Protein backbone atom coordinates (compact mmCIF):
# COMPACT_ATOMS: atom_id res chain seq x y z
CA MET A 1 -17.85 34.65 36.73
CA GLY A 2 -20.46 32.14 35.52
CA ILE A 3 -20.02 29.69 32.68
CA LEU A 4 -22.12 31.78 30.28
CA ASP A 5 -20.00 34.85 31.03
CA ARG A 6 -16.85 32.85 30.23
CA ILE A 7 -18.38 31.67 26.94
CA ARG A 8 -19.51 35.15 25.92
CA ARG A 9 -16.19 36.71 26.91
CA GLY A 10 -14.52 34.72 24.14
CA ARG A 11 -16.78 36.20 21.44
CA GLY A 12 -15.07 39.55 21.02
CA ASP A 13 -13.26 40.93 17.97
CA GLY A 14 -10.77 38.59 16.37
CA THR A 15 -12.34 35.42 17.72
CA PRO A 16 -13.97 32.76 15.53
CA PRO A 17 -17.72 33.14 14.93
CA PRO A 18 -20.06 31.43 17.41
CA TRP A 19 -20.56 27.71 16.91
CA ARG A 20 -23.54 26.62 14.82
CA TYR A 21 -24.27 22.90 14.74
CA PRO A 22 -23.88 21.69 11.12
CA LEU A 23 -27.17 20.16 10.08
CA GLU A 24 -29.53 20.21 7.13
CA ARG A 25 -33.23 20.93 7.59
CA THR A 26 -36.38 21.11 5.51
CA GLN A 27 -39.72 22.66 6.48
CA ASP A 28 -42.40 22.01 3.87
CA ARG A 29 -45.56 23.00 5.73
CA GLN A 30 -47.27 26.37 5.80
CA TYR A 31 -49.41 26.96 8.89
CA ALA A 32 -52.51 29.12 8.94
CA ASN A 33 -52.74 31.84 11.58
CA GLY A 34 -53.94 30.35 14.86
CA TYR A 35 -53.30 26.76 13.77
CA ALA A 36 -53.59 24.48 16.79
CA GLY A 37 -53.48 20.75 17.24
CA ASP A 38 -51.10 17.82 17.56
CA LEU A 39 -47.65 17.56 16.03
CA TYR A 40 -45.45 14.47 16.03
CA VAL A 41 -41.65 14.31 15.98
CA TRP A 42 -39.90 10.99 15.38
CA ASP A 43 -36.32 9.98 15.68
CA ILE A 44 -35.56 7.71 12.72
CA ASP A 45 -32.74 5.45 13.87
CA LYS A 46 -33.86 2.71 16.31
CA THR A 47 -37.31 4.32 16.57
CA TYR A 48 -38.71 4.04 13.03
CA LEU A 49 -35.89 2.15 11.29
CA ALA A 50 -33.58 -0.53 12.67
CA THR A 51 -30.34 1.40 12.09
CA ASP A 52 -27.00 0.46 13.66
CA MET A 53 -25.59 3.61 15.29
CA HIS A 54 -23.33 2.01 17.89
CA SER A 55 -19.96 2.44 16.20
CA LEU A 56 -18.19 4.89 13.89
CA GLY A 57 -17.85 2.18 11.26
CA ALA A 58 -21.60 1.51 11.32
CA VAL A 59 -22.34 5.22 11.00
CA LEU A 60 -20.05 5.53 7.98
CA ARG A 61 -21.72 2.55 6.27
CA ILE A 62 -25.22 4.10 6.47
CA PRO A 63 -24.93 6.11 3.20
CA LEU A 64 -24.21 2.89 1.28
CA GLU A 65 -27.61 1.39 2.06
CA ARG A 66 -30.59 1.57 -0.30
CA GLY A 67 -34.16 2.47 0.66
CA ILE A 68 -35.44 -1.04 0.02
CA ASP A 69 -32.72 -2.42 2.33
CA LYS A 70 -33.91 -0.36 5.30
CA GLN A 71 -35.78 -2.45 7.88
CA ASN A 72 -38.61 -1.02 9.99
CA ILE A 73 -39.06 -1.40 13.69
CA ALA A 74 -42.11 -3.69 13.35
CA GLY A 75 -45.38 -1.79 13.01
CA THR A 76 -43.91 1.71 13.01
CA GLU A 77 -44.96 2.54 9.45
CA ILE A 78 -48.57 1.78 10.45
CA LEU A 79 -48.26 4.02 13.51
CA LEU A 80 -46.85 6.87 11.44
CA ARG A 81 -49.68 6.69 8.93
CA ALA A 82 -52.22 6.51 11.78
CA LEU A 83 -50.78 9.54 13.56
CA ARG A 84 -50.94 11.47 10.31
CA ARG A 85 -54.66 10.66 10.00
CA GLY A 86 -55.54 11.13 13.68
CA ALA A 87 -58.21 9.36 15.72
CA ALA A 88 -61.23 10.36 13.62
CA THR A 89 -63.09 7.62 11.79
CA GLY A 90 -65.48 7.65 8.85
CA GLY A 91 -65.17 10.27 6.14
CA SER A 92 -63.30 12.95 8.11
CA PHE A 93 -59.73 13.70 7.06
CA ARG A 94 -56.76 15.10 8.92
CA SER A 95 -53.15 15.61 8.04
CA ASN A 96 -51.39 16.07 11.37
CA PRO A 97 -47.89 17.57 11.12
CA LEU A 98 -45.13 14.96 11.17
CA TYR A 99 -41.40 15.65 11.41
CA PHE A 100 -38.28 13.49 11.55
CA VAL A 101 -34.90 14.00 13.19
CA SER A 102 -32.19 11.70 11.87
CA ALA A 103 -28.59 11.24 12.98
CA SER A 104 -27.88 10.04 9.45
CA PRO A 105 -26.04 12.35 7.01
CA PRO A 106 -27.91 14.50 4.45
CA GLN A 107 -26.39 12.34 1.69
CA LEU A 108 -28.90 9.71 2.78
CA ARG A 109 -31.92 11.94 2.10
CA ALA A 110 -32.88 10.24 -1.18
CA VAL A 111 -32.62 6.79 0.41
CA LEU A 112 -34.81 7.70 3.40
CA GLU A 113 -37.36 9.54 1.29
CA ARG A 114 -37.60 6.51 -1.00
CA LYS A 115 -38.15 4.30 2.06
CA MET A 116 -40.94 6.58 3.28
CA VAL A 117 -42.60 6.48 -0.13
CA LEU A 118 -42.50 2.67 0.00
CA ASP A 119 -44.09 2.79 3.49
CA GLY A 120 -46.72 5.37 2.52
CA VAL A 121 -45.40 7.77 5.16
CA GLU A 122 -45.98 11.48 4.49
CA PHE A 123 -44.00 14.06 6.44
CA ASP A 124 -43.56 17.82 6.64
CA GLY A 125 -39.89 18.20 7.51
CA ILE A 126 -36.71 16.33 8.27
CA THR A 127 -33.37 17.20 9.84
CA PHE A 128 -30.07 15.47 9.09
CA LYS A 129 -26.78 15.61 10.93
CA ASP A 130 -24.04 16.90 8.60
CA GLN A 131 -21.36 14.37 9.44
CA LEU A 132 -19.01 15.39 6.62
CA ALA A 133 -19.02 18.96 7.93
CA LEU A 134 -18.19 17.67 11.41
CA MET A 135 -15.21 15.80 10.03
CA ARG A 136 -14.04 18.84 8.07
CA LEU A 137 -14.33 20.88 11.26
CA ARG A 138 -12.34 18.21 13.12
CA ARG A 139 -15.28 17.46 15.44
CA VAL A 140 -15.09 13.68 14.94
CA HIS A 141 -16.17 13.12 18.56
CA LYS A 142 -19.57 14.60 17.65
CA LEU A 143 -20.35 11.91 15.08
CA THR A 144 -21.77 9.59 17.74
CA ALA A 145 -22.73 12.28 20.31
CA GLN A 146 -26.40 13.20 19.93
CA VAL A 147 -27.55 15.52 22.74
CA GLY A 148 -26.28 18.79 21.26
CA TYR A 149 -27.38 17.89 17.75
CA LYS A 150 -30.92 16.75 18.61
CA LEU A 151 -31.60 19.67 20.95
CA ALA A 152 -30.47 22.06 18.22
CA ALA A 153 -32.71 20.29 15.67
CA LEU A 154 -35.74 20.38 17.97
CA LEU A 155 -35.27 24.03 18.94
CA LEU A 156 -34.68 25.21 15.36
CA ASN A 157 -37.88 23.46 14.37
CA ARG A 158 -39.83 24.82 17.35
CA ARG A 159 -38.81 28.39 16.49
CA GLU A 160 -40.59 28.06 13.12
CA LEU A 161 -43.78 26.42 14.43
CA PRO A 162 -46.94 28.10 15.69
CA TRP A 163 -46.78 28.47 19.45
CA THR A 164 -50.16 26.72 19.61
CA VAL A 165 -49.23 23.18 18.54
CA ARG A 166 -48.51 20.48 21.14
CA GLU A 167 -45.75 18.01 20.42
CA THR A 168 -45.57 14.28 20.99
CA LEU A 169 -42.00 12.98 20.70
CA PHE A 170 -40.79 9.49 19.81
CA GLY A 171 -37.31 8.17 20.56
CA ASP A 172 -35.47 5.14 21.90
CA ASP A 173 -33.23 4.04 24.74
CA SER A 174 -30.09 3.33 22.71
CA GLU A 175 -28.73 6.84 23.25
CA SER A 176 -30.06 9.75 25.32
CA ASP A 177 -33.48 10.48 23.82
CA ALA A 178 -35.32 10.52 27.15
CA PHE A 179 -32.91 13.11 28.54
CA ILE A 180 -32.95 15.13 25.31
CA TYR A 181 -36.74 15.27 25.13
CA ALA A 182 -37.07 16.09 28.82
CA VAL A 183 -34.60 18.96 28.61
CA TYR A 184 -36.36 20.18 25.47
CA ALA A 185 -39.75 20.09 27.20
CA ASP A 186 -38.36 22.04 30.16
CA ILE A 187 -36.73 24.60 27.84
CA VAL A 188 -39.99 25.17 25.95
CA ALA A 189 -41.92 25.46 29.22
CA GLY A 190 -39.43 28.10 30.41
CA ARG A 191 -38.27 26.06 33.40
CA LEU A 192 -34.73 25.49 32.15
CA ARG A 193 -32.97 28.43 30.54
CA GLY A 194 -29.74 30.39 30.82
CA GLU A 195 -27.01 29.50 33.27
CA ARG A 196 -28.78 26.49 34.76
CA LEU A 197 -29.49 25.04 31.31
CA VAL A 198 -25.83 25.28 30.34
CA ARG A 199 -24.67 23.78 33.64
CA THR A 200 -27.18 20.94 33.23
CA LEU A 201 -25.90 20.19 29.75
CA ARG A 202 -22.27 20.33 30.88
CA ARG A 203 -23.10 18.06 33.83
CA ASN A 204 -24.41 15.54 31.30
CA HIS A 205 -21.27 15.63 29.12
CA VAL A 206 -22.42 18.07 26.43
CA ASP A 207 -19.41 20.07 25.26
CA ILE A 208 -19.17 23.79 25.88
CA GLU A 209 -19.81 24.99 22.32
CA ASP A 210 -22.97 22.87 21.93
CA SER A 211 -24.18 24.04 25.36
CA ALA A 212 -23.70 27.67 24.39
CA TYR A 213 -25.54 27.17 21.10
CA ILE A 214 -28.53 25.53 22.83
CA ASP A 215 -28.61 28.43 25.28
CA GLU A 216 -28.63 30.89 22.40
CA LEU A 217 -31.46 29.09 20.57
CA SER A 218 -33.63 28.97 23.68
CA ALA A 219 -32.97 32.41 25.15
CA ASP A 220 -35.74 34.37 23.38
CA LEU A 221 -38.44 31.69 23.14
CA PRO A 222 -41.83 32.25 24.76
CA ALA A 223 -42.75 29.78 27.52
CA ALA A 224 -45.59 27.25 27.49
CA GLU A 225 -46.28 23.58 28.23
CA LEU A 226 -46.20 22.30 24.65
CA VAL A 227 -44.72 18.80 25.01
CA HIS A 228 -47.71 16.54 25.53
CA ARG A 229 -46.08 13.10 25.62
CA VAL A 230 -42.77 11.28 25.10
CA TYR A 231 -42.61 7.66 23.89
CA ILE A 232 -39.38 5.72 24.26
CA ASN A 233 -38.86 2.50 22.30
CA LEU A 234 -36.95 0.11 24.60
CA GLU A 235 -34.68 -1.08 21.82
CA THR A 236 -31.95 -2.15 24.26
CA ARG A 237 -34.55 -3.55 26.71
CA THR A 238 -33.87 -1.01 29.43
CA PRO A 239 -36.17 -1.77 32.40
CA PRO A 240 -39.06 0.74 32.39
CA ALA A 241 -38.41 1.50 36.06
CA ARG A 242 -35.25 3.35 34.98
CA PHE A 243 -37.49 6.07 33.54
CA GLU A 244 -39.72 6.61 36.57
CA GLY A 245 -37.94 9.86 37.40
CA TYR A 246 -39.31 11.42 34.22
CA GLY A 247 -42.92 11.15 35.39
CA PRO A 248 -46.08 9.95 33.61
CA ARG A 249 -45.64 12.03 30.46
CA LEU A 250 -42.80 9.71 29.38
CA VAL A 251 -44.02 6.25 28.36
CA PRO A 252 -41.38 3.52 27.85
CA CYS A 253 -42.60 0.85 25.40
CA TYR A 254 -41.19 -2.56 24.55
CA ASP A 255 -42.79 -2.56 21.09
CA SER A 256 -44.97 -0.56 18.72
CA PHE A 257 -48.08 -2.41 19.94
CA GLN A 258 -47.65 -0.85 23.38
CA MET A 259 -47.28 2.57 21.76
CA ALA A 260 -50.41 1.96 19.69
CA LEU A 261 -52.48 0.91 22.71
CA HIS A 262 -51.47 3.99 24.65
CA LEU A 263 -52.09 6.28 21.66
CA VAL A 264 -55.61 4.82 21.37
CA GLN A 265 -56.14 5.60 25.05
CA ASP A 266 -54.82 9.13 24.43
CA ARG A 267 -57.30 9.46 21.53
CA LYS A 268 -54.48 10.18 19.06
CA ILE A 269 -55.08 7.25 16.69
CA ALA A 270 -58.08 5.12 15.74
CA ALA A 271 -58.53 1.75 17.45
CA GLN A 272 -58.19 0.00 14.07
CA ALA A 273 -54.59 1.18 13.86
CA ALA A 274 -53.68 -0.67 17.07
CA LEU A 275 -55.16 -3.87 15.60
CA ASP A 276 -53.14 -3.37 12.42
CA VAL A 277 -49.95 -2.84 14.42
CA GLY A 278 -50.63 -6.04 16.37
CA ARG A 279 -51.09 -7.96 13.12
CA ALA A 280 -47.82 -6.53 11.75
CA LEU A 281 -45.97 -7.80 14.83
CA LEU A 282 -47.49 -11.27 14.48
CA ASP A 283 -46.30 -11.37 10.88
CA ARG A 284 -42.78 -11.59 12.33
CA PRO A 285 -41.85 -15.24 12.99
CA GLU A 286 -40.54 -14.47 16.48
CA ARG A 287 -43.84 -13.04 17.76
CA GLN A 288 -46.88 -14.98 18.99
CA PRO A 289 -50.32 -13.92 20.33
CA LEU A 290 -49.17 -14.65 23.87
CA GLY A 291 -46.44 -12.04 23.40
CA LEU A 292 -48.98 -9.38 22.44
CA LEU A 293 -51.02 -10.27 25.51
CA ARG A 294 -47.93 -9.83 27.68
CA SER A 295 -47.24 -6.45 26.05
CA ALA A 296 -50.76 -5.25 26.81
CA PHE A 297 -50.78 -6.41 30.43
CA ASP A 298 -47.30 -5.05 31.04
CA LEU A 299 -48.75 -1.58 30.44
CA VAL A 300 -51.73 -2.36 32.67
CA GLU A 301 -49.47 -3.58 35.49
CA ARG A 302 -47.37 -0.43 35.21
CA GLY A 303 -50.50 1.71 35.58
CA VAL A 304 -50.03 3.18 32.11
CA LEU A 305 -52.94 1.51 30.28
CA SER A 306 -56.42 1.27 31.75
CA LEU A 307 -58.41 -1.95 31.70
CA ALA A 308 -61.24 0.12 30.22
CA THR A 309 -59.12 0.79 27.11
CA LEU A 310 -58.17 -2.87 26.83
CA ARG A 311 -61.78 -3.95 27.36
CA GLU A 312 -62.86 -1.65 24.52
CA LEU A 313 -60.41 -3.36 22.15
CA TRP A 314 -60.82 -6.91 23.51
CA PRO A 315 -63.53 -8.23 21.10
CA ASP A 316 -61.66 -7.01 18.02
CA LEU A 317 -58.34 -8.34 19.33
CA HIS A 318 -59.94 -11.77 19.54
CA ARG A 319 -61.73 -11.40 16.21
CA ARG A 320 -58.41 -10.63 14.49
CA HIS A 321 -56.76 -13.62 16.27
CA LEU A 322 -54.26 -11.33 17.96
CA LEU A 323 -54.69 -12.88 21.42
CA PRO A 324 -54.74 -16.50 22.63
CA THR A 325 -58.29 -17.86 22.32
CA TRP A 326 -58.24 -19.27 25.85
CA VAL A 327 -57.73 -15.85 27.53
CA ALA A 328 -60.66 -13.94 29.03
CA LEU A 329 -60.62 -10.44 30.50
CA SER A 330 -61.55 -10.12 34.16
CA ASP A 331 -64.03 -7.52 35.35
CA GLU A 332 -61.71 -6.52 38.19
CA ALA A 333 -60.63 -2.89 38.24
CA GLY A 334 -56.89 -3.51 38.03
CA PRO A 335 -54.13 -1.19 39.30
CA PRO A 336 -54.75 2.57 39.47
CA LEU A 337 -53.92 4.48 36.28
CA LEU A 338 -51.08 6.99 36.46
CA SER A 339 -52.25 10.57 36.14
CA LEU A 340 -52.36 11.72 32.53
CA SER A 341 -52.53 15.41 33.36
CA ASP A 342 -49.46 17.56 32.95
CA PRO A 343 -47.75 17.55 36.37
CA PRO A 344 -46.09 20.74 37.53
CA GLY A 345 -42.33 20.95 37.70
CA PHE A 346 -39.48 19.50 35.71
CA LEU A 347 -39.73 16.61 33.28
CA THR A 348 -35.94 16.22 33.56
CA PRO A 349 -35.15 14.05 36.63
CA ALA A 350 -33.70 15.95 39.56
CA GLU A 351 -30.48 13.93 39.57
CA LEU A 352 -29.71 15.09 36.01
CA LEU A 353 -30.36 18.76 36.66
CA ALA A 354 -27.64 21.14 37.79
CA PRO A 355 -28.34 22.68 41.21
CA GLU A 356 -30.05 26.08 41.22
């Protein structure tokens, strides 16, 4: 008897109702028939805002903070506004869909919404983790466990979206965002469903009730390659090589300037936005133009950013005094660029997947 059979066997008469992850969601956007385009999903903690999520005490202190006290990851508010507008310049206007997934409790909604107003960030939906409900249900261990919660949030959102929008996902390396987004991409593509999905989740320490719920949410979805890109903010400075198993669709970034450069190359934001992000980083006392140069060439050396993209931005980077004045760009070709096309097969690394 497989693991799913054992789970379903316990759902007969007289048993408690199936587990539903306690969360609170909003969906404020109405989509026209046939709507297609880009959609962006951001984690909030350690990706947009510098939130301490490393201990139970820190998690419980979050609701006591005010919106004005929340500190951004440098440059992220500029990126969010730029993604909303898209890459078009001039008089054209876009309002790309933007969603947030937060591990903070719903009691913090007013604080976070106030922060977003201060930053000029518009969004279409947000999901909160209902931590008080978890405590009432005696699931205290889930307060700092994120895989089951975030997969549930992503899948619940996906079920309400047109099956024509492609998602770009933003997370960080302080928890398990790379794994979560990879599993989500493979679920949506139809590569990871049913028994193997549950065994993969269990292999990666997701408890049995969360695994069964994720299986239920994914069982009747269509299948298509709808995750375009994953960006991981290296908040804990994880070496980028640790993410090589995820393939070229996952881009680890040391700062928001690296994200901005790659998004310009992907034609998702205007070049001006990357310059504005660079200026925001230099407004921090710990950053210098040489640091921005290192960020740019780190991506080039990893084969993630082309010299052609950097050459396109080079005059404006100098004009805005974002780079050291003594640095010139060589005409050499540089390392080969990693393929940007969607590769076949799993985004989830083989060592994290359960055997077939």
